[in-house]
Amino acid sequence: MIRTCETADTDRILEIWRKASDLAHPFLSPSFLAEAEEKIRSLYLPISETHVFAQDQKLLGFIGLLDGHIGGLFVDPDYHGHGIGRALVDYAKSQKGSLTVEVFKENSIGRRFYKAYGFQETDEYIDEDTQQPLIKMTL
């Protein structure tokens, strides 16, 4: 169910990212989200180690890793609560050991998930691009 991302997965990954971002990040501007989507496509996916969760050949979520840092973890909101996020973090933990992640302070969905998983808040600072507070969490 978890496999390495392939180039053909890009459009579905971006669809999941957009749906989940619209839910978790209503405080981010449409122009920022449009820029971020292009950066994910052209910059982040090519440099990150991305793994997807697929069920019946349909992608339902993904995790992007930069060494032991979770650059992104997104699950199609239609499948929240089905253990997909946990399975992806379990996989990342088995591959990398210790993990870190940055979550917008206003992203209550993400912060609740990571806290329930066992991540601890270790720092807080302002994101330069959005001027929104970010929380660094460590497992």
N, C-alpha and C. Protein backbone atom coordinates (compact mmCIF):
# COMPACT_ATOMS: atom_id res chain seq x y z
N MET A 1 0.81 -1.20 0.00
CA MET A 1 0.00 0.00 0.00
C MET A 1 0.85 1.26 0.00
N ILE A 2 2.07 1.21 0.52
CA ILE A 2 2.97 2.36 0.47
C ILE A 2 4.08 2.05 -0.51
N ARG A 3 4.30 2.98 -1.42
CA ARG A 3 5.35 2.79 -2.43
C ARG A 3 5.99 4.13 -2.73
N THR A 4 7.12 4.08 -3.42
CA THR A 4 7.82 5.29 -3.82
C THR A 4 7.02 6.01 -4.91
N CYS A 5 7.00 7.31 -4.81
CA CYS A 5 6.30 8.16 -5.79
C CYS A 5 6.90 7.98 -7.18
N GLU A 6 6.03 8.00 -8.16
CA GLU A 6 6.44 7.97 -9.57
C GLU A 6 6.00 9.27 -10.23
N THR A 7 6.63 9.63 -11.33
CA THR A 7 6.29 10.87 -12.04
C THR A 7 4.81 10.92 -12.38
N ALA A 8 4.23 9.79 -12.73
CA ALA A 8 2.80 9.74 -13.10
C ALA A 8 1.88 10.07 -11.92
N ASP A 9 2.41 10.08 -10.69
CA ASP A 9 1.61 10.39 -9.50
C ASP A 9 1.46 11.88 -9.25
N THR A 10 2.22 12.70 -9.95
CA THR A 10 2.31 14.13 -9.63
C THR A 10 0.95 14.83 -9.59
N ASP A 11 0.14 14.66 -10.60
CA ASP A 11 -1.15 15.37 -10.62
C ASP A 11 -2.04 14.97 -9.45
N ARG A 12 -2.09 13.69 -9.12
CA ARG A 12 -2.92 13.24 -8.00
C ARG A 12 -2.33 13.75 -6.68
N ILE A 13 -1.02 13.75 -6.54
CA ILE A 13 -0.39 14.29 -5.33
C ILE A 13 -0.79 15.75 -5.14
N LEU A 14 -0.75 16.51 -6.21
CA LEU A 14 -1.11 17.93 -6.12
C LEU A 14 -2.60 18.10 -5.83
N GLU A 15 -3.43 17.22 -6.34
CA GLU A 15 -4.86 17.27 -6.04
C GLU A 15 -5.10 17.01 -4.55
N ILE A 16 -4.43 16.01 -4.00
CA ILE A 16 -4.54 15.71 -2.57
C ILE A 16 -4.03 16.89 -1.76
N TRP A 17 -2.88 17.42 -2.14
CA TRP A 17 -2.30 18.55 -1.42
C TRP A 17 -3.26 19.73 -1.39
N ARG A 18 -3.88 20.04 -2.52
CA ARG A 18 -4.78 21.18 -2.59
C ARG A 18 -6.02 20.97 -1.72
N LYS A 19 -6.63 19.79 -1.83
CA LYS A 19 -7.83 19.50 -1.02
C LYS A 19 -7.50 19.57 0.48
N ALA A 20 -6.41 18.96 0.87
CA ALA A 20 -6.04 18.95 2.28
C ALA A 20 -5.61 20.34 2.75
N SER A 21 -4.90 21.07 1.90
CA SER A 21 -4.48 22.44 2.26
C SER A 21 -5.67 23.37 2.41
N ASP A 22 -6.64 23.24 1.51
CA ASP A 22 -7.83 24.08 1.63
C ASP A 22 -8.54 23.85 2.97
N LEU A 23 -8.51 22.60 3.45
CA LEU A 23 -9.15 22.27 4.72
C LEU A 23 -8.31 22.74 5.92
N ALA A 24 -7.01 22.45 5.89
CA ALA A 24 -6.14 22.70 7.04
C ALA A 24 -5.56 24.10 7.09
N HIS A 25 -5.52 24.77 5.93
CA HIS A 25 -4.84 26.07 5.85
C HIS A 25 -5.75 27.17 5.28
N PRO A 26 -6.93 27.37 5.82
CA PRO A 26 -7.81 28.41 5.26
C PRO A 26 -7.25 29.82 5.46
N PHE A 27 -6.26 29.95 6.29
CA PHE A 27 -5.63 31.24 6.59
C PHE A 27 -4.58 31.64 5.55
N LEU A 28 -4.24 30.74 4.63
CA LEU A 28 -3.25 31.06 3.58
C LEU A 28 -3.96 31.63 2.36
N SER A 29 -3.34 32.61 1.74
CA SER A 29 -3.97 33.29 0.60
C SER A 29 -3.97 32.39 -0.64
N PRO A 30 -4.96 32.59 -1.51
CA PRO A 30 -5.00 31.84 -2.77
C PRO A 30 -3.73 32.03 -3.60
N SER A 31 -3.17 33.23 -3.59
CA SER A 31 -1.96 33.46 -4.38
C SER A 31 -0.78 32.69 -3.80
N PHE A 32 -0.68 32.61 -2.46
CA PHE A 32 0.39 31.83 -1.85
C PHE A 32 0.23 30.35 -2.19
N LEU A 33 -1.01 29.84 -2.11
CA LEU A 33 -1.25 28.43 -2.42
C LEU A 33 -0.92 28.11 -3.88
N ALA A 34 -1.21 29.02 -4.78
CA ALA A 34 -0.89 28.80 -6.19
C ALA A 34 0.62 28.74 -6.39
N GLU A 35 1.36 29.64 -5.72
CA GLU A 35 2.82 29.61 -5.80
C GLU A 35 3.37 28.33 -5.19
N ALA A 36 2.82 27.94 -4.05
CA ALA A 36 3.28 26.73 -3.37
C ALA A 36 3.06 25.50 -4.24
N GLU A 37 1.91 25.45 -4.91
CA GLU A 37 1.63 24.30 -5.78
C GLU A 37 2.67 24.18 -6.88
N GLU A 38 3.05 25.29 -7.47
CA GLU A 38 4.07 25.26 -8.53
C GLU A 38 5.43 24.84 -7.96
N LYS A 39 5.76 25.31 -6.76
CA LYS A 39 7.03 24.92 -6.13
C LYS A 39 7.04 23.42 -5.81
N ILE A 40 5.91 22.90 -5.38
CA ILE A 40 5.84 21.46 -5.09
C ILE A 40 6.12 20.68 -6.36
N ARG A 41 5.48 21.08 -7.45
CA ARG A 41 5.64 20.38 -8.73
C ARG A 41 7.08 20.46 -9.25
N SER A 42 7.64 21.66 -9.27
CA SER A 42 8.92 21.86 -9.95
C SER A 42 10.15 21.75 -9.06
N LEU A 43 9.98 21.96 -7.75
CA LEU A 43 11.14 21.97 -6.88
C LEU A 43 11.11 20.87 -5.82
N TYR A 44 10.05 20.81 -5.01
CA TYR A 44 10.05 19.92 -3.85
C TYR A 44 9.91 18.44 -4.22
N LEU A 45 9.00 18.10 -5.12
CA LEU A 45 8.87 16.68 -5.48
C LEU A 45 10.16 16.12 -6.08
N PRO A 46 10.84 16.87 -6.96
CA PRO A 46 12.09 16.32 -7.50
C PRO A 46 13.20 16.11 -6.47
N ILE A 47 13.23 16.91 -5.39
CA ILE A 47 14.34 16.77 -4.44
C ILE A 47 13.99 15.96 -3.20
N SER A 48 12.70 15.73 -2.96
CA SER A 48 12.32 15.00 -1.75
C SER A 48 12.19 13.51 -2.04
N GLU A 49 12.21 12.75 -0.97
CA GLU A 49 11.94 11.32 -1.03
C GLU A 49 10.46 11.18 -0.71
N THR A 50 9.65 10.98 -1.74
CA THR A 50 8.20 10.98 -1.56
C THR A 50 7.64 9.58 -1.70
N HIS A 51 6.77 9.23 -0.75
CA HIS A 51 6.12 7.93 -0.75
C HIS A 51 4.61 8.16 -0.73
N VAL A 52 3.91 7.30 -1.43
CA VAL A 52 2.46 7.44 -1.54
C VAL A 52 1.77 6.24 -0.91
N PHE A 53 0.57 6.50 -0.41
CA PHE A 53 -0.30 5.45 0.11
C PHE A 53 -1.36 5.22 -0.95
N ALA A 54 -1.41 4.01 -1.49
CA ALA A 54 -2.38 3.68 -2.54
C ALA A 54 -3.25 2.51 -2.08
N GLN A 55 -4.52 2.61 -2.42
CA GLN A 55 -5.45 1.52 -2.14
C GLN A 55 -6.26 1.29 -3.40
N ASP A 56 -6.32 0.06 -3.85
CA ASP A 56 -6.98 -0.27 -5.12
C ASP A 56 -6.47 0.63 -6.24
N GLN A 57 -5.16 0.86 -6.25
CA GLN A 57 -4.45 1.66 -7.25
C GLN A 57 -4.83 3.14 -7.25
N LYS A 58 -5.52 3.61 -6.20
CA LYS A 58 -5.85 5.03 -6.09
C LYS A 58 -5.00 5.64 -4.98
N LEU A 59 -4.31 6.73 -5.28
CA LEU A 59 -3.51 7.42 -4.28
C LEU A 59 -4.42 8.15 -3.31
N LEU A 60 -4.20 7.92 -2.02
CA LEU A 60 -5.02 8.52 -0.98
C LEU A 60 -4.23 9.47 -0.08
N GLY A 61 -2.90 9.40 -0.15
CA GLY A 61 -2.07 10.27 0.67
C GLY A 61 -0.62 10.14 0.29
N PHE A 62 0.20 11.06 0.82
CA PHE A 62 1.63 11.01 0.53
C PHE A 62 2.41 11.68 1.65
N ILE A 63 3.70 11.33 1.72
CA ILE A 63 4.63 11.95 2.64
C ILE A 63 5.90 12.27 1.87
N GLY A 64 6.40 13.48 2.04
CA GLY A 64 7.65 13.91 1.42
C GLY A 64 8.70 14.09 2.49
N LEU A 65 9.83 13.44 2.33
CA LEU A 65 10.91 13.48 3.32
C LEU A 65 12.15 14.13 2.77
N LEU A 66 12.79 14.91 3.60
CA LEU A 66 14.12 15.45 3.34
C LEU A 66 14.97 14.96 4.51
N ASP A 67 15.67 13.87 4.28
CA ASP A 67 16.35 13.15 5.35
C ASP A 67 15.31 12.79 6.42
N GLY A 68 15.50 13.25 7.66
CA GLY A 68 14.56 12.93 8.72
C GLY A 68 13.51 14.00 8.95
N HIS A 69 13.35 14.90 8.00
CA HIS A 69 12.36 15.97 8.13
C HIS A 69 11.16 15.69 7.22
N ILE A 70 9.96 15.77 7.79
CA ILE A 70 8.75 15.61 6.99
C ILE A 70 8.46 16.95 6.32
N GLY A 71 8.71 17.03 5.04
CA GLY A 71 8.45 18.26 4.29
C GLY A 71 6.97 18.43 3.99
N GLY A 72 6.24 17.33 3.97
CA GLY A 72 4.81 17.38 3.74
C GLY A 72 4.17 16.03 3.99
N LEU A 73 3.03 16.05 4.65
CA LEU A 73 2.22 14.86 4.88
C LEU A 73 0.78 15.28 4.62
N PHE A 74 0.19 14.71 3.59
CA PHE A 74 -1.17 15.09 3.21
C PHE A 74 -1.97 13.85 2.84
N VAL A 75 -3.20 13.82 3.34
CA VAL A 75 -4.13 12.73 3.04
C VAL A 75 -5.39 13.36 2.46
N ASP A 76 -5.93 12.73 1.45
CA ASP A 76 -7.19 13.20 0.86
C ASP A 76 -8.21 13.31 2.01
N PRO A 77 -8.81 14.50 2.20
CA PRO A 77 -9.74 14.67 3.31
C PRO A 77 -10.89 13.67 3.33
N ASP A 78 -11.26 13.13 2.20
CA ASP A 78 -12.31 12.11 2.16
C ASP A 78 -11.89 10.84 2.90
N TYR A 79 -10.59 10.70 3.17
CA TYR A 79 -10.07 9.50 3.83
C TYR A 79 -9.40 9.81 5.16
N HIS A 80 -9.62 11.00 5.70
CA HIS A 80 -9.10 11.29 7.05
C HIS A 80 -9.73 10.33 8.04
N GLY A 81 -8.95 9.95 9.04
CA GLY A 81 -9.46 9.06 10.08
C GLY A 81 -9.39 7.58 9.74
N HIS A 82 -8.76 7.24 8.61
CA HIS A 82 -8.64 5.84 8.21
C HIS A 82 -7.25 5.25 8.47
N GLY A 83 -6.39 5.99 9.18
CA GLY A 83 -5.06 5.47 9.51
C GLY A 83 -4.01 5.67 8.44
N ILE A 84 -4.33 6.41 7.40
CA ILE A 84 -3.39 6.60 6.29
C ILE A 84 -2.21 7.47 6.72
N GLY A 85 -2.49 8.58 7.39
CA GLY A 85 -1.41 9.45 7.87
C GLY A 85 -0.50 8.71 8.83
N ARG A 86 -1.10 7.96 9.75
CA ARG A 86 -0.32 7.18 10.71
C ARG A 86 0.56 6.14 9.99
N ALA A 87 0.00 5.48 8.99
CA ALA A 87 0.76 4.47 8.24
C ALA A 87 1.95 5.12 7.53
N LEU A 88 1.74 6.31 6.96
CA LEU A 88 2.83 7.00 6.27
C LEU A 88 3.92 7.44 7.24
N VAL A 89 3.53 7.94 8.42
CA VAL A 89 4.54 8.33 9.42
C VAL A 89 5.23 7.09 9.98
N ASP A 90 4.49 6.02 10.20
CA ASP A 90 5.12 4.76 10.64
C ASP A 90 6.19 4.34 9.64
N TYR A 91 5.86 4.42 8.36
CA TYR A 91 6.81 4.04 7.31
C TYR A 91 8.05 4.94 7.37
N ALA A 92 7.82 6.26 7.46
CA ALA A 92 8.95 7.21 7.51
C ALA A 92 9.82 6.94 8.74
N LYS A 93 9.18 6.69 9.86
CA LYS A 93 9.91 6.41 11.10
C LYS A 93 10.76 5.14 10.96
N SER A 94 10.21 4.14 10.30
CA SER A 94 10.96 2.89 10.11
C SER A 94 12.17 3.10 9.19
N GLN A 95 12.08 4.07 8.30
CA GLN A 95 13.17 4.35 7.37
C GLN A 95 14.20 5.32 7.95
N LYS A 96 13.73 6.30 8.74
CA LYS A 96 14.60 7.40 9.16
C LYS A 96 14.88 7.45 10.65
N GLY A 97 14.06 6.79 11.46
CA GLY A 97 14.23 6.89 12.91
C GLY A 97 13.59 8.17 13.42
N SER A 98 14.39 9.05 13.95
CA SER A 98 13.91 10.33 14.48
C SER A 98 13.37 11.21 13.34
N LEU A 99 12.27 11.91 13.62
CA LEU A 99 11.64 12.76 12.61
C LEU A 99 11.36 14.14 13.17
N THR A 100 11.39 15.15 12.29
CA THR A 100 10.94 16.49 12.62
C THR A 100 9.93 16.92 11.58
N VAL A 101 9.11 17.92 11.95
CA VAL A 101 8.13 18.47 11.03
C VAL A 101 7.85 19.90 11.47
N GLU A 102 7.47 20.75 10.53
CA GLU A 102 7.01 22.10 10.83
C GLU A 102 5.54 22.19 10.46
N VAL A 103 4.74 22.72 11.38
CA VAL A 103 3.29 22.81 11.18
C VAL A 103 2.86 24.25 11.50
N PHE A 104 2.02 24.82 10.64
CA PHE A 104 1.49 26.13 10.96
C PHE A 104 0.74 26.07 12.29
N LYS A 105 0.94 27.07 13.12
CA LYS A 105 0.28 27.10 14.43
C LYS A 105 -1.24 27.03 14.29
N GLU A 106 -1.77 27.66 13.25
CA GLU A 106 -3.23 27.66 13.03
C GLU A 106 -3.76 26.37 12.41
N ASN A 107 -2.87 25.46 12.05
CA ASN A 107 -3.29 24.18 11.46
C ASN A 107 -3.62 23.21 12.59
N SER A 108 -4.82 23.33 13.13
CA SER A 108 -5.21 22.49 14.26
C SER A 108 -5.29 21.01 13.87
N ILE A 109 -5.63 20.73 12.63
CA ILE A 109 -5.72 19.33 12.16
C ILE A 109 -4.34 18.67 12.23
N GLY A 110 -3.34 19.33 11.66
CA GLY A 110 -1.99 18.78 11.65
C GLY A 110 -1.38 18.70 13.03
N ARG A 111 -1.53 19.76 13.82
CA ARG A 111 -0.95 19.76 15.15
C ARG A 111 -1.57 18.65 16.02
N ARG A 112 -2.87 18.47 15.93
CA ARG A 112 -3.55 17.43 16.70
C ARG A 112 -3.05 16.04 16.28
N PHE A 113 -2.89 15.84 14.96
CA PHE A 113 -2.41 14.54 14.46
C PHE A 113 -1.01 14.25 15.01
N TYR A 114 -0.09 15.21 14.84
CA TYR A 114 1.29 14.97 15.26
C TYR A 114 1.40 14.79 16.77
N LYS A 115 0.64 15.56 17.53
CA LYS A 115 0.66 15.42 18.99
C LYS A 115 0.16 14.04 19.39
N ALA A 116 -0.94 13.58 18.78
CA ALA A 116 -1.47 12.25 19.08
C ALA A 116 -0.47 11.16 18.71
N TYR A 117 0.32 11.41 17.67
CA TYR A 117 1.31 10.42 17.25
C TYR A 117 2.46 10.34 18.26
N GLY A 118 2.72 11.44 18.95
CA GLY A 118 3.82 11.46 19.92
C GLY A 118 4.87 12.54 19.67
N PHE A 119 4.68 13.36 18.65
CA PHE A 119 5.60 14.46 18.40
C PHE A 119 5.48 15.48 19.53
N GLN A 120 6.59 16.12 19.85
CA GLN A 120 6.64 17.16 20.87
C GLN A 120 7.00 18.50 20.21
N GLU A 121 6.35 19.56 20.66
CA GLU A 121 6.68 20.90 20.17
C GLU A 121 8.05 21.29 20.72
N THR A 122 8.96 21.70 19.81
CA THR A 122 10.32 22.03 20.23
C THR A 122 10.74 23.45 19.88
N ASP A 123 9.97 24.14 19.04
CA ASP A 123 10.33 25.52 18.68
C ASP A 123 9.14 26.19 18.02
N GLU A 124 9.15 27.51 18.01
CA GLU A 124 8.12 28.28 17.32
C GLU A 124 8.78 29.51 16.71
N TYR A 125 8.43 29.81 15.47
CA TYR A 125 8.99 30.96 14.76
C TYR A 125 8.04 31.36 13.65
N ILE A 126 8.34 32.47 13.00
CA ILE A 126 7.50 33.01 11.93
C ILE A 126 8.02 32.54 10.57
N ASP A 127 7.13 32.01 9.75
CA ASP A 127 7.46 31.63 8.38
C ASP A 127 7.65 32.90 7.55
N GLU A 128 8.78 33.02 6.90
CA GLU A 128 9.10 34.23 6.14
C GLU A 128 8.13 34.46 4.98
N ASP A 129 7.71 33.41 4.32
CA ASP A 129 6.86 33.56 3.13
C ASP A 129 5.43 33.96 3.47
N THR A 130 4.90 33.48 4.58
CA THR A 130 3.49 33.72 4.91
C THR A 130 3.29 34.67 6.09
N GLN A 131 4.36 34.88 6.86
CA GLN A 131 4.28 35.64 8.11
C GLN A 131 3.37 34.96 9.13
N GLN A 132 3.16 33.68 8.99
CA GLN A 132 2.37 32.88 9.91
C GLN A 132 3.30 32.15 10.89
N PRO A 133 2.88 31.98 12.15
CA PRO A 133 3.69 31.22 13.09
C PRO A 133 3.76 29.73 12.71
N LEU A 134 4.95 29.20 12.81
CA LEU A 134 5.22 27.78 12.58
C LEU A 134 5.64 27.14 13.88
N ILE A 135 5.24 25.91 14.08
CA ILE A 135 5.66 25.11 15.23
C ILE A 135 6.53 23.98 14.70
N LYS A 136 7.73 23.86 15.26
CA LYS A 136 8.58 22.71 14.94
C LYS A 136 8.26 21.63 15.95
N MET A 137 8.05 20.41 15.45
CA MET A 137 7.74 19.28 16.30
C MET A 137 8.75 18.16 16.02
N THR A 138 9.10 17.42 17.06
CA THR A 138 10.12 16.38 16.95
C THR A 138 9.61 15.08 17.55
N LEU A 139 9.94 13.99 16.88
CA LEU A 139 9.60 12.66 17.37
C LEU A 139 10.89 11.94 17.69
